Amino acid sequence: MTHAGTVRVAVDAIGGDRAPGTVLGGVESALEADPALHVCLVGPAAVVEPYAAAHDRCEPVVAHESIGMAEPAAQSVRAKKDSSIVVGCRLVREGAADAFFSAGNTGACMAAATLTMGRVDGIHRPAIATIIPTVGAPVVLLDVGANADCKPEYLVQFARMGALYAETVLGVSAPRIALLNIGEEPSKGSQLAVEAHGLMANQVAGFMGNVEGRDVTAGVADVIVTDGFTGNVVLKVLEGVSATLLGQVKEALTANVVTSLAAALTRPSLARLKDRLNPDTYGGAPLLGVNGVCIIGHGSSSDRAVAAALDVAATAVRADLTGRISQAV
């Protein structure tokens, strides 16, 4: 394995609501876009072997079990050692792959990566990060679901890992880091928020203080840190509001002949806006803090989302994100 160029990503061929079709389509696009990318396609022989035979730089890895989207995460990971998710994470642990991607069961991906790859030495809890579109450059929000209950020291580590992700994957120099709270004052918020603010002010380079919910999409920070419960609620609210607003705009612009003519004139601008708000643009969400690159895709990931996620995985590997996190803690 040479992180400077060639990258080998293990891909769960059957993870996601529209798998294997969208996964295979995304893999094909990613292989075309990156001549140094190699894929270990993990899943049933009937899916992975014919596809690999027809595509260069794609190796089939047969897994005889699968973990459904609704199955209990940790229990399924322990019971199904030959599932595509567990096998993919094992390839990373054994050095046969540099990274793992799945759009399958998020909890199972997180459990398999943590149990199989292990945590980076010194990391208390891995965190799921996601990219939030803003008025300017996108912002990294974490944790968005891995840890519903957190200690202040966890948020310090989330901040450091999020900053490294912003630097290595998004190319942000000296990222601005903020703590999500109900007010800007250091004394505001829950006990967790107050204690985390004190620690981050002393231990996190680039820490700019608290931001409120209205600031998440305002572009005032490059990395926003919170606990997994709050982060997941914020993410789901933003997804819902975005979908509702776009739907309302479309309805208003097609209400009559006059608005339909206006829609024709504004269609290019609206298409660019929709593209910016589309999570498929940014690929999957990294599970930061495990001993290897693990990218988790949305269950409804399209071909484009899968290709973008593989690009993110390759970028993280080439930048040695895991090694940099290890050095930071």
C-alpha atoms as a PDB file:
ATOM      1  CA  MET A   1       0.000   0.000   0.000  1.00  0.00           C
ATOM      2  CA  THR A   2       1.319   3.428  -0.918  1.00  0.00           C
ATOM      3  CA  HIS A   3      -0.688   6.243   0.587  1.00  0.00           C
ATOM      4  CA  ALA A   4       0.916   8.810  -1.678  1.00  0.00           C
ATOM      5  CA  GLY A   5      -0.818   7.328  -4.709  1.00  0.00           C
ATOM      6  CA  THR A   6      -2.597   3.999  -4.877  1.00  0.00           C
ATOM      7  CA  VAL A   7      -5.479   3.593  -2.458  1.00  0.00           C
ATOM      8  CA  ARG A   8      -7.465   0.433  -1.888  1.00  0.00           C
ATOM      9  CA  VAL A   9     -11.003   0.903  -0.553  1.00  0.00           C
ATOM     10  CA  ALA A  10     -13.205  -1.929   0.688  1.00  0.00           C
ATOM     11  CA  VAL A  11     -16.785  -1.281  -0.442  1.00  0.00           C
ATOM     12  CA  ASP A  12     -19.933  -2.889   0.949  1.00  0.00           C
ATOM     13  CA  ALA A  13     -21.689  -3.873  -2.283  1.00  0.00           C
ATOM     14  CA  ILE A  14     -25.064  -4.558  -0.650  1.00  0.00           C
ATOM     15  CA  GLY A  15     -25.295  -1.707   1.865  1.00  0.00           C
ATOM     16  CA  GLY A  16     -28.056   0.837   1.328  1.00  0.00           C
ATOM     17  CA  ASP A  17     -31.667   1.104   0.284  1.00  0.00           C
ATOM     18  CA  ARG A  18     -30.862   0.948  -3.438  1.00  0.00           C
ATOM     19  CA  ALA A  19     -27.934  -1.473  -3.348  1.00  0.00           C
ATOM     20  CA  PRO A  20     -26.337  -3.073  -5.199  1.00  0.00           C
ATOM     21  CA  GLY A  21     -27.274  -0.932  -8.190  1.00  0.00           C
ATOM     22  CA  THR A  22     -26.268   2.482  -6.898  1.00  0.00           C
ATOM     23  CA  VAL A  23     -23.183   1.096  -5.165  1.00  0.00           C
ATOM     24  CA  LEU A  24     -21.895  -0.526  -8.335  1.00  0.00           C
ATOM     25  CA  GLY A  25     -22.668   2.584 -10.366  1.00  0.00           C
ATOM     26  CA  GLY A  26     -20.802   4.732  -7.866  1.00  0.00           C
ATOM     27  CA  VAL A  27     -17.817   2.400  -7.840  1.00  0.00           C
ATOM     28  CA  GLU A  28     -17.633   2.559 -11.630  1.00  0.00           C
ATOM     29  CA  SER A  29     -17.657   6.381 -11.591  1.00  0.00           C
ATOM     30  CA  ALA A  30     -15.010   6.490  -8.875  1.00  0.00           C
ATOM     31  CA  LEU A  31     -12.720   4.079 -10.721  1.00  0.00           C
ATOM     32  CA  GLU A  32     -13.024   6.164 -13.885  1.00  0.00           C
ATOM     33  CA  ALA A  33     -12.267   9.397 -12.011  1.00  0.00           C
ATOM     34  CA  ASP A  34      -9.269   8.097 -10.031  1.00  0.00           C
ATOM     35  CA  PRO A  35      -6.788   5.890 -11.911  1.00  0.00           C
ATOM     36  CA  ALA A  36      -4.943   5.116  -8.655  1.00  0.00           C
ATOM     37  CA  LEU A  37      -8.054   3.847  -6.889  1.00  0.00           C
ATOM     38  CA  HIS A  38      -8.526   0.127  -6.326  1.00  0.00           C
ATOM     39  CA  VAL A  39     -11.696  -1.405  -4.885  1.00  0.00           C
ATOM     40  CA  CYS A  40     -12.262  -4.528  -2.832  1.00  0.00           C
ATOM     41  CA  LEU A  41     -15.938  -5.180  -3.547  1.00  0.00           C
ATOM     42  CA  VAL A  42     -17.456  -7.076  -0.624  1.00  0.00           C
ATOM     43  CA  GLY A  43     -20.706  -9.007  -0.835  1.00  0.00           C
ATOM     44  CA  PRO A  44     -22.405 -12.123  -2.269  1.00  0.00           C
ATOM     45  CA  ALA A  45     -20.488 -13.939  -4.999  1.00  0.00           C
ATOM     46  CA  ALA A  46     -23.348 -13.431  -7.458  1.00  0.00           C
ATOM     47  CA  VAL A  47     -22.935  -9.663  -7.105  1.00  0.00           C
ATOM     48  CA  VAL A  48     -19.222  -9.040  -6.666  1.00  0.00           C
ATOM     49  CA  GLU A  49     -17.592 -11.646  -8.899  1.00  0.00           C
ATOM     50  CA  PRO A  50     -19.238 -10.734 -12.244  1.00  0.00           C
ATOM     51  CA  TYR A  51     -18.738  -7.023 -11.595  1.00  0.00           C
ATOM     52  CA  ALA A  52     -15.073  -7.412 -10.656  1.00  0.00           C
ATOM     53  CA  ALA A  53     -14.449  -9.608 -13.695  1.00  0.00           C
ATOM     54  CA  ALA A  54     -15.708  -6.799 -15.930  1.00  0.00           C
ATOM     55  CA  HIS A  55     -13.826  -3.944 -14.228  1.00  0.00           C
ATOM     56  CA  ASP A  56     -10.125  -3.324 -13.861  1.00  0.00           C
ATOM     57  CA  ARG A  57      -8.812  -2.463 -10.403  1.00  0.00           C
ATOM     58  CA  CYS A  58     -11.751  -4.195  -8.745  1.00  0.00           C
ATOM     59  CA  GLU A  59     -11.269  -7.321  -6.638  1.00  0.00           C
ATOM     60  CA  PRO A  60     -14.172  -9.483  -5.418  1.00  0.00           C
ATOM     61  CA  VAL A  61     -14.304 -10.412  -1.726  1.00  0.00           C
ATOM     62  CA  VAL A  62     -17.127 -12.829  -1.012  1.00  0.00           C
ATOM     63  CA  ALA A  63     -19.173 -12.331   2.152  1.00  0.00           C
ATOM     64  CA  HIS A  64     -21.981 -14.791   2.791  1.00  0.00           C
ATOM     65  CA  GLU A  65     -24.006 -12.736   5.278  1.00  0.00           C
ATOM     66  CA  SER A  66     -25.585  -9.300   5.402  1.00  0.00           C
ATOM     67  CA  ILE A  67     -26.839  -6.945   8.116  1.00  0.00           C
ATOM     68  CA  GLY A  68     -30.178  -5.339   7.372  1.00  0.00           C
ATOM     69  CA  MET A  69     -30.913  -1.675   7.942  1.00  0.00           C
ATOM     70  CA  ALA A  70     -33.246  -2.404  10.874  1.00  0.00           C
ATOM     71  CA  GLU A  71     -31.167  -5.081  12.615  1.00  0.00           C
ATOM     72  CA  PRO A  72     -29.664  -4.352  16.059  1.00  0.00           C
ATOM     73  CA  ALA A  73     -26.157  -3.038  15.466  1.00  0.00           C
ATOM     74  CA  ALA A  74     -23.777  -4.505  18.041  1.00  0.00           C
ATOM     75  CA  GLN A  75     -25.652  -7.815  18.279  1.00  0.00           C
ATOM     76  CA  SER A  76     -25.614  -8.285  14.499  1.00  0.00           C
ATOM     77  CA  VAL A  77     -21.919  -7.423  14.206  1.00  0.00           C
ATOM     78  CA  ARG A  78     -21.028 -10.024  16.829  1.00  0.00           C
ATOM     79  CA  ALA A  79     -23.330 -12.686  15.374  1.00  0.00           C
ATOM     80  CA  LYS A  80     -22.565 -12.172  11.689  1.00  0.00           C
ATOM     81  CA  LYS A  81     -18.808 -12.372  11.356  1.00  0.00           C
ATOM     82  CA  ASP A  82     -19.103 -13.064   7.625  1.00  0.00           C
ATOM     83  CA  SER A  83     -21.339 -10.076   6.860  1.00  0.00           C
ATOM     84  CA  SER A  84     -20.210  -7.576   4.237  1.00  0.00           C
ATOM     85  CA  ILE A  85     -19.796  -4.828   6.863  1.00  0.00           C
ATOM     86  CA  VAL A  86     -17.664  -6.902   9.225  1.00  0.00           C
ATOM     87  CA  VAL A  87     -15.582  -8.390   6.397  1.00  0.00           C
ATOM     88  CA  GLY A  88     -14.941  -4.921   4.954  1.00  0.00           C
ATOM     89  CA  CYS A  89     -13.723  -3.594   8.306  1.00  0.00           C
ATOM     90  CA  ARG A  90     -11.581  -6.703   8.766  1.00  0.00           C
ATOM     91  CA  LEU A  91      -9.838  -6.015   5.443  1.00  0.00           C
ATOM     92  CA  VAL A  92      -8.757  -2.628   6.822  1.00  0.00           C
ATOM     93  CA  ARG A  93      -7.569  -4.118  10.094  1.00  0.00           C
ATOM     94  CA  GLU A  94      -5.527  -6.752   8.259  1.00  0.00           C
ATOM     95  CA  GLY A  95      -3.985  -4.194   5.879  1.00  0.00           C
ATOM     96  CA  ALA A  96      -5.669  -5.590   2.769  1.00  0.00           C
ATOM     97  CA  ALA A  97      -7.551  -2.299   2.349  1.00  0.00           C
ATOM     98  CA  ASP A  98      -6.813   1.292   3.344  1.00  0.00           C
ATOM     99  CA  ALA A  99     -10.417   2.353   3.945  1.00  0.00           C
ATOM    100  CA  PHE A 100     -13.966   1.027   4.194  1.00  0.00           C
ATOM    101  CA  PHE A 101     -17.226   2.433   2.825  1.00  0.00           C
ATOM    102  CA  SER A 102     -20.811   1.334   3.387  1.00  0.00           C
ATOM    103  CA  ALA A 103     -24.222   2.931   2.943  1.00  0.00           C
ATOM    104  CA  GLY A 104     -25.737   0.185   5.072  1.00  0.00           C
ATOM    105  CA  ASN A 105     -26.796   0.043   8.719  1.00  0.00           C
ATOM    106  CA  THR A 106     -25.070   3.048  10.356  1.00  0.00           C
ATOM    107  CA  GLY A 107     -24.989   1.522  13.822  1.00  0.00           C
ATOM    108  CA  ALA A 108     -23.531  -1.705  12.471  1.00  0.00           C
ATOM    109  CA  CYS A 109     -20.858   0.197  10.532  1.00  0.00           C
ATOM    110  CA  MET A 110     -19.900   2.103  13.648  1.00  0.00           C
ATOM    111  CA  ALA A 111     -19.880  -1.010  15.835  1.00  0.00           C
ATOM    112  CA  ALA A 112     -17.928  -3.086  13.299  1.00  0.00           C
ATOM    113  CA  ALA A 113     -15.333  -0.365  12.740  1.00  0.00           C
ATOM    114  CA  THR A 114     -14.867   0.188  16.474  1.00  0.00           C
ATOM    115  CA  LEU A 115     -14.743  -3.505  17.390  1.00  0.00           C
ATOM    116  CA  THR A 116     -12.741  -4.683  14.368  1.00  0.00           C
ATOM    117  CA  MET A 117     -10.407  -1.786  13.549  1.00  0.00           C
ATOM    118  CA  GLY A 118     -10.215  -0.581  17.140  1.00  0.00           C
ATOM    119  CA  ARG A 119      -9.908   2.999  18.352  1.00  0.00           C
ATOM    120  CA  VAL A 120      -6.885   5.192  17.805  1.00  0.00           C
ATOM    121  CA  ASP A 121      -4.792   5.070  20.977  1.00  0.00           C
ATOM    122  CA  GLY A 122      -5.922   7.847  23.303  1.00  0.00           C
ATOM    123  CA  ILE A 123      -9.313   8.435  21.675  1.00  0.00           C
ATOM    124  CA  HIS A 124     -12.155   8.021  24.179  1.00  0.00           C
ATOM    125  CA  ARG A 125     -14.989   7.705  21.672  1.00  0.00           C
ATOM    126  CA  PRO A 126     -15.140   7.796  17.855  1.00  0.00           C
ATOM    127  CA  ALA A 127     -17.414  10.472  16.372  1.00  0.00           C
ATOM    128  CA  ILE A 128     -19.411  10.709  13.165  1.00  0.00           C
ATOM    129  CA  ALA A 129     -18.764  13.919  11.249  1.00  0.00           C
ATOM    130  CA  THR A 130     -20.845  15.313   8.413  1.00  0.00           C
ATOM    131  CA  ILE A 131     -20.606  18.204   5.984  1.00  0.00           C
ATOM    132  CA  ILE A 132     -23.218  20.950   6.288  1.00  0.00           C
ATOM    133  CA  PRO A 133     -23.692  23.364   3.336  1.00  0.00           C
ATOM    134  CA  THR A 134     -23.450  27.049   4.317  1.00  0.00           C
ATOM    135  CA  VAL A 135     -23.566  30.437   2.622  1.00  0.00           C
ATOM    136  CA  GLY A 136     -19.837  30.024   2.001  1.00  0.00           C
ATOM    137  CA  ALA A 137     -17.594  27.019   2.460  1.00  0.00           C
ATOM    138  CA  PRO A 138     -19.197  23.921   4.006  1.00  0.00           C
ATOM    139  CA  VAL A 139     -18.842  23.291   7.743  1.00  0.00           C
ATOM    140  CA  VAL A 140     -17.929  20.063   9.544  1.00  0.00           C
ATOM    141  CA  LEU A 141     -20.492  19.130  12.222  1.00  0.00           C
ATOM    142  CA  LEU A 142     -19.698  16.428  14.774  1.00  0.00           C
ATOM    143  CA  ASP A 143     -20.783  14.291  16.529  1.00  0.00           C
ATOM    144  CA  VAL A 144     -24.001  13.532  14.626  1.00  0.00           C
ATOM    145  CA  GLY A 145     -24.990  10.253  16.190  1.00  0.00           C
ATOM    146  CA  ALA A 146     -22.201   8.065  17.518  1.00  0.00           C
ATOM    147  CA  ASN A 147     -22.404   9.255  21.133  1.00  0.00           C
ATOM    148  CA  ALA A 148     -25.740  10.362  22.573  1.00  0.00           C
ATOM    149  CA  ASP A 149     -24.163  10.939  25.980  1.00  0.00           C
ATOM    150  CA  CYS A 150     -20.815  12.699  26.181  1.00  0.00           C
ATOM    151  CA  LYS A 151     -18.263  13.951  28.670  1.00  0.00           C
ATOM    152  CA  PRO A 152     -16.558  17.350  28.205  1.00  0.00           C
ATOM    153  CA  GLU A 153     -13.241  15.714  27.328  1.00  0.00           C
ATOM    154  CA  TYR A 154     -14.919  13.848  24.470  1.00  0.00           C
ATOM    155  CA  LEU A 155     -15.891  17.145  22.862  1.00  0.00           C
ATOM    156  CA  VAL A 156     -12.283  18.330  23.056  1.00  0.00           C
ATOM    157  CA  GLN A 157     -11.218  15.295  21.048  1.00  0.00           C
ATOM    158  CA  PHE A 158     -14.111  15.754  18.621  1.00  0.00           C
ATOM    159  CA  ALA A 159     -12.889  19.309  18.020  1.00  0.00           C
ATOM    160  CA  ARG A 160      -9.345  18.196  17.259  1.00  0.00           C
ATOM    161  CA  MET A 161     -10.469  15.397  14.956  1.00  0.00           C
ATOM    162  CA  GLY A 162     -12.936  17.667  13.185  1.00  0.00           C
ATOM    163  CA  ALA A 163     -10.233  20.264  12.633  1.00  0.00           C
ATOM    164  CA  LEU A 164      -7.924  17.669  11.103  1.00  0.00           C
ATOM    165  CA  TYR A 165     -10.711  16.459   8.822  1.00  0.00           C
ATOM    166  CA  ALA A 166     -11.415  20.028   7.685  1.00  0.00           C
ATOM    167  CA  GLU A 167      -7.728  20.516   6.938  1.00  0.00           C
ATOM    168  CA  THR A 168      -7.008  17.230   5.168  1.00  0.00           C
ATOM    169  CA  VAL A 169     -10.227  16.644   3.228  1.00  0.00           C
ATOM    170  CA  LEU A 170     -11.702  20.122   2.748  1.00  0.00           C
ATOM    171  CA  GLY A 171      -8.400  21.978   2.510  1.00  0.00           C
ATOM    172  CA  VAL A 172      -9.252  24.490   5.262  1.00  0.00           C
ATOM    173  CA  SER A 173      -6.204  26.266   6.667  1.00  0.00           C
ATOM    174  CA  ALA A 174      -6.349  27.009  10.413  1.00  0.00           C
ATOM    175  CA  PRO A 175     -10.007  25.988  10.829  1.00  0.00           C
ATOM    176  CA  ARG A 176     -12.247  27.989  13.143  1.00  0.00           C
ATOM    177  CA  ILE A 177     -13.786  25.708  15.769  1.00  0.00           C
ATOM    178  CA  ALA A 178     -16.978  26.433  17.699  1.00  0.00           C
ATOM    179  CA  LEU A 179     -19.104  24.738  20.336  1.00  0.00           C
ATOM    180  CA  LEU A 180     -22.847  24.488  19.645  1.00  0.00           C
ATOM    181  CA  ASN A 181     -24.814  26.048  22.498  1.00  0.00           C
ATOM    182  CA  ILE A 182     -27.948  28.062  23.329  1.00  0.00           C
ATOM    183  CA  GLY A 183     -26.001  31.287  23.765  1.00  0.00           C
ATOM    184  CA  GLU A 184     -22.630  32.807  22.979  1.00  0.00           C
ATOM    185  CA  GLU A 185     -21.604  33.462  26.594  1.00  0.00           C
ATOM    186  CA  PRO A 186     -19.248  30.861  28.160  1.00  0.00           C
ATOM    187  CA  SER A 187     -21.605  30.462  31.128  1.00  0.00           C
ATOM    188  CA  LYS A 188     -24.640  29.541  28.986  1.00  0.00           C
ATOM    189  CA  GLY A 189     -26.035  26.091  28.390  1.00  0.00           C
ATOM    190  CA  SER A 190     -25.911  22.710  30.080  1.00  0.00           C
ATOM    191  CA  GLN A 191     -23.215  21.593  32.485  1.00  0.00           C
ATOM    192  CA  LEU A 192     -21.665  19.634  29.620  1.00  0.00           C
ATOM    193  CA  ALA A 193     -21.503  22.747  27.430  1.00  0.00           C
ATOM    194  CA  VAL A 194     -20.065  24.969  30.175  1.00  0.00           C
ATOM    195  CA  GLU A 195     -17.368  22.463  31.134  1.00  0.00           C
ATOM    196  CA  ALA A 196     -16.548  21.680  27.500  1.00  0.00           C
ATOM    197  CA  HIS A 197     -16.175  25.392  26.743  1.00  0.00           C
ATOM    198  CA  GLY A 198     -13.637  25.744  29.544  1.00  0.00           C
ATOM    199  CA  LEU A 199     -11.587  22.799  28.322  1.00  0.00           C
ATOM    200  CA  MET A 200     -11.743  23.770  24.641  1.00  0.00           C
ATOM    201  CA  ALA A 201     -10.721  27.359  25.380  1.00  0.00           C
ATOM    202  CA  ASN A 202      -7.510  26.066  26.938  1.00  0.00           C
ATOM    203  CA  GLN A 203      -6.780  22.994  24.837  1.00  0.00           C
ATOM    204  CA  VAL A 204      -8.094  23.501  21.284  1.00  0.00           C
ATOM    205  CA  ALA A 205      -6.248  25.681  18.778  1.00  0.00           C
ATOM    206  CA  GLY A 206      -8.617  27.812  16.729  1.00  0.00           C
ATOM    207  CA  PHE A 207     -11.440  27.679  19.266  1.00  0.00           C
ATOM    208  CA  MET A 208     -13.682  30.729  18.795  1.00  0.00           C
ATOM    209  CA  GLY A 209     -16.302  30.042  21.487  1.00  0.00           C
ATOM    210  CA  ASN A 210     -19.981  29.185  21.366  1.00  0.00           C
ATOM    211  CA  VAL A 211     -22.320  29.443  18.397  1.00  0.00           C
ATOM    212  CA  GLU A 212     -26.089  29.048  18.360  1.00  0.00           C
ATOM    213  CA  GLY A 213     -28.311  26.902  16.160  1.00  0.00           C
ATOM    214  CA  ARG A 214     -28.939  29.751  13.730  1.00  0.00           C
ATOM    215  CA  ASP A 215     -25.183  29.942  13.107  1.00  0.00           C
ATOM    216  CA  VAL A 216     -24.795  26.361  11.876  1.00  0.00           C
ATOM    217  CA  THR A 217     -25.456  27.313   8.245  1.00  0.00           C
ATOM    218  CA  ALA A 218     -24.142  30.873   8.468  1.00  0.00           C
ATOM    219  CA  GLY A 219     -20.512  30.031   7.743  1.00  0.00           C
ATOM    220  CA  VAL A 220     -19.175  31.597  10.945  1.00  0.00           C
ATOM    221  CA  ALA A 221     -17.126  28.505  11.820  1.00  0.00           C
ATOM    222  CA  ASP A 222     -15.402  25.700   9.924  1.00  0.00           C
ATOM    223  CA  VAL A 223     -15.999  23.024  12.569  1.00  0.00           C
ATOM    224  CA  ILE A 224     -18.948  22.899  14.990  1.00  0.00           C
ATOM    225  CA  VAL A 225     -18.805  20.476  17.911  1.00  0.00           C
ATOM    226  CA  THR A 226     -21.647  18.982  19.939  1.00  0.00           C
ATOM    227  CA  ASP A 227     -22.802  15.710  21.481  1.00  0.00           C
ATOM    228  CA  GLY A 228     -24.202  13.003  19.222  1.00  0.00           C
ATOM    229  CA  PHE A 229     -27.808  13.409  20.342  1.00  0.00           C
ATOM    230  CA  THR A 230     -27.912  17.146  19.621  1.00  0.00           C
ATOM    231  CA  GLY A 231     -25.898  16.792  16.426  1.00  0.00           C
ATOM    232  CA  ASN A 232     -28.225  14.146  15.022  1.00  0.00           C
ATOM    233  CA  VAL A 233     -31.296  16.275  15.778  1.00  0.00           C
ATOM    234  CA  VAL A 234     -29.667  19.279  14.082  1.00  0.00           C
ATOM    235  CA  LEU A 235     -28.769  17.206  11.024  1.00  0.00           C
ATOM    236  CA  LYS A 236     -32.264  15.740  10.629  1.00  0.00           C
ATOM    237  CA  VAL A 237     -33.909  19.160  11.080  1.00  0.00           C
ATOM    238  CA  LEU A 238     -31.658  20.687   8.431  1.00  0.00           C
ATOM    239  CA  GLU A 239     -32.403  17.836   6.013  1.00  0.00           C
ATOM    240  CA  GLY A 240     -36.134  18.245   6.572  1.00  0.00           C
ATOM    241  CA  VAL A 241     -36.141  22.032   6.256  1.00  0.00           C
ATOM    242  CA  SER A 242     -34.015  21.864   3.109  1.00  0.00           C
ATOM    243  CA  ALA A 243     -36.360  19.369   1.452  1.00  0.00           C
ATOM    244  CA  THR A 244     -39.445  21.352   2.489  1.00  0.00           C
ATOM    245  CA  LEU A 245     -38.094  24.680   1.254  1.00  0.00           C
ATOM    246  CA  LEU A 246     -37.030  23.275  -2.098  1.00  0.00           C
ATOM    247  CA  GLY A 247     -40.445  21.671  -2.488  1.00  0.00           C
ATOM    248  CA  GLN A 248     -42.230  24.905  -1.629  1.00  0.00           C
ATOM    249  CA  VAL A 249     -40.081  26.883  -4.071  1.00  0.00           C
ATOM    250  CA  LYS A 250     -40.848  24.400  -6.847  1.00  0.00           C
ATOM    251  CA  GLU A 251     -44.562  24.546  -6.080  1.00  0.00           C
ATOM    252  CA  ALA A 252     -44.587  28.353  -6.094  1.00  0.00           C
ATOM    253  CA  LEU A 253     -42.715  28.555  -9.387  1.00  0.00           C
ATOM    254  CA  THR A 254     -45.061  26.158 -11.153  1.00  0.00           C
ATOM    255  CA  ALA A 255     -48.321  27.600  -9.801  1.00  0.00           C
ATOM    256  CA  ASN A 256     -49.343  29.346 -13.040  1.00  0.00           C
ATOM    257  CA  VAL A 257     -48.107  30.397 -16.470  1.00  0.00           C
ATOM    258  CA  VAL A 258     -46.378  33.567 -15.210  1.00  0.00           C
ATOM    259  CA  THR A 259     -44.449  31.829 -12.449  1.00  0.00           C
ATOM    260  CA  SER A 260     -43.589  28.975 -14.814  1.00  0.00           C
ATOM    261  CA  LEU A 261     -41.957  31.488 -17.154  1.00  0.00           C
ATOM    262  CA  ALA A 262     -40.025  32.914 -14.198  1.00  0.00           C
ATOM    263  CA  ALA A 263     -38.977  29.387 -13.246  1.00  0.00           C
ATOM    264  CA  ALA A 264     -37.528  28.864 -16.716  1.00  0.00           C
ATOM    265  CA  LEU A 265     -35.348  31.943 -16.277  1.00  0.00           C
ATOM    266  CA  THR A 266     -34.172  30.982 -12.786  1.00  0.00           C
ATOM    267  CA  ARG A 267     -33.729  27.264 -13.452  1.00  0.00           C
ATOM    268  CA  PRO A 268     -29.880  27.365 -13.694  1.00  0.00           C
ATOM    269  CA  SER A 269     -29.594  29.257 -10.390  1.00  0.00           C
ATOM    270  CA  LEU A 270     -32.068  26.943  -8.687  1.00  0.00           C
ATOM    271  CA  ALA A 271     -30.183  23.910  -9.994  1.00  0.00           C
ATOM    272  CA  ARG A 272     -26.952  25.245  -8.482  1.00  0.00           C
ATOM    273  CA  LEU A 273     -28.736  25.855  -5.163  1.00  0.00           C
ATOM    274  CA  LYS A 274     -30.187  22.349  -5.145  1.00  0.00           C
ATOM    275  CA  ASP A 275     -26.739  20.940  -5.895  1.00  0.00           C
ATOM    276  CA  ARG A 276     -25.197  22.800  -2.970  1.00  0.00           C
ATOM    277  CA  LEU A 277     -27.882  21.527  -0.604  1.00  0.00           C
ATOM    278  CA  ASN A 278     -27.720  17.957  -1.888  1.00  0.00           C
ATOM    279  CA  PRO A 279     -25.856  15.708   0.602  1.00  0.00           C
ATOM    280  CA  ASP A 280     -24.789  13.507  -2.324  1.00  0.00           C
ATOM    281  CA  THR A 281     -22.356  16.273  -3.287  1.00  0.00           C
ATOM    282  CA  TYR A 282     -20.238  15.646  -0.208  1.00  0.00           C
ATOM    283  CA  GLY A 283     -20.260  11.848  -0.042  1.00  0.00           C
ATOM    284  CA  GLY A 284     -20.460   9.958   3.221  1.00  0.00           C
ATOM    285  CA  ALA A 285     -19.779  10.797   6.841  1.00  0.00           C
ATOM    286  CA  PRO A 286     -16.417   9.739   8.316  1.00  0.00           C
ATOM    287  CA  LEU A 287     -16.260   7.852  11.593  1.00  0.00           C
ATOM    288  CA  LEU A 288     -13.327   9.703  13.143  1.00  0.00           C
ATOM    289  CA  GLY A 289     -11.226   8.101  15.863  1.00  0.00           C
ATOM    290  CA  VAL A 290     -11.155   4.497  14.673  1.00  0.00           C
ATOM    291  CA  ASN A 291      -7.866   2.981  13.587  1.00  0.00           C
ATOM    292  CA  GLY A 292      -8.545   3.272   9.872  1.00  0.00           C
ATOM    293  CA  VAL A 293     -10.612   5.329   7.461  1.00  0.00           C
ATOM    294  CA  CYS A 294     -14.314   4.461   7.657  1.00  0.00           C
ATOM    295  CA  ILE A 295     -16.877   6.381   5.592  1.00  0.00           C
ATOM    296  CA  ILE A 296     -20.587   5.823   6.264  1.00  0.00           C
ATOM    297  CA  GLY A 297     -23.031   6.699   3.509  1.00  0.00           C
ATOM    298  CA  HIS A 298     -26.681   7.675   3.773  1.00  0.00           C
ATOM    299  CA  GLY A 299     -29.052   4.743   3.320  1.00  0.00           C
ATOM    300  CA  SER A 300     -30.545   6.377   0.226  1.00  0.00           C
ATOM    301  CA  SER A 301     -27.140   7.148  -1.329  1.00  0.00           C
ATOM    302  CA  SER A 302     -27.177   7.592  -5.094  1.00  0.00           C
ATOM    303  CA  ASP A 303     -24.441   6.620  -7.557  1.00  0.00           C
ATOM    304  CA  ARG A 304     -23.082  10.137  -7.191  1.00  0.00           C
ATOM    305  CA  ALA A 305     -23.010   9.922  -3.386  1.00  0.00           C
ATOM    306  CA  VAL A 306     -21.130   6.618  -3.488  1.00  0.00           C
ATOM    307  CA  ALA A 307     -18.543   7.996  -5.913  1.00  0.00           C
ATOM    308  CA  ALA A 308     -18.114  11.107  -3.762  1.00  0.00           C
ATOM    309  CA  ALA A 309     -17.688   8.978  -0.640  1.00  0.00           C
ATOM    310  CA  LEU A 310     -14.943   6.917  -2.286  1.00  0.00           C
ATOM    311  CA  ASP A 311     -13.207  10.140  -3.286  1.00  0.00           C
ATOM    312  CA  VAL A 312     -13.389  11.338   0.332  1.00  0.00           C
ATOM    313  CA  ALA A 313     -12.004   8.002   1.533  1.00  0.00           C
ATOM    314  CA  ALA A 314      -9.087   8.162  -0.899  1.00  0.00           C
ATOM    315  CA  THR A 315      -8.335  11.775   0.047  1.00  0.00           C
ATOM    316  CA  ALA A 316      -8.344  10.905   3.764  1.00  0.00           C
ATOM    317  CA  VAL A 317      -5.998   7.961   3.206  1.00  0.00           C
ATOM    318  CA  ARG A 318      -3.561   9.936   1.073  1.00  0.00           C
ATOM    319  CA  ALA A 319      -3.479  12.710   3.685  1.00  0.00           C
ATOM    320  CA  ASP A 320      -2.870  10.119   6.433  1.00  0.00           C
ATOM    321  CA  LEU A 321      -5.848  11.391   8.424  1.00  0.00           C
ATOM    322  CA  THR A 322      -5.754   8.476  10.877  1.00  0.00           C
ATOM    323  CA  GLY A 323      -2.032   8.982  11.542  1.00  0.00           C
ATOM    324  CA  ARG A 324      -2.534  12.696  12.087  1.00  0.00           C
ATOM    325  CA  ILE A 325      -5.351  12.042  14.557  1.00  0.00           C
ATOM    326  CA  SER A 326      -3.085   9.623  16.415  1.00  0.00           C
ATOM    327  CA  GLN A 327      -0.339  12.239  16.631  1.00  0.00           C
ATOM    328  CA  ALA A 328      -2.807  14.913  17.800  1.00  0.00           C
ATOM    329  CA  VAL A 329      -3.892  12.897  20.849  1.00  0.00           C
END
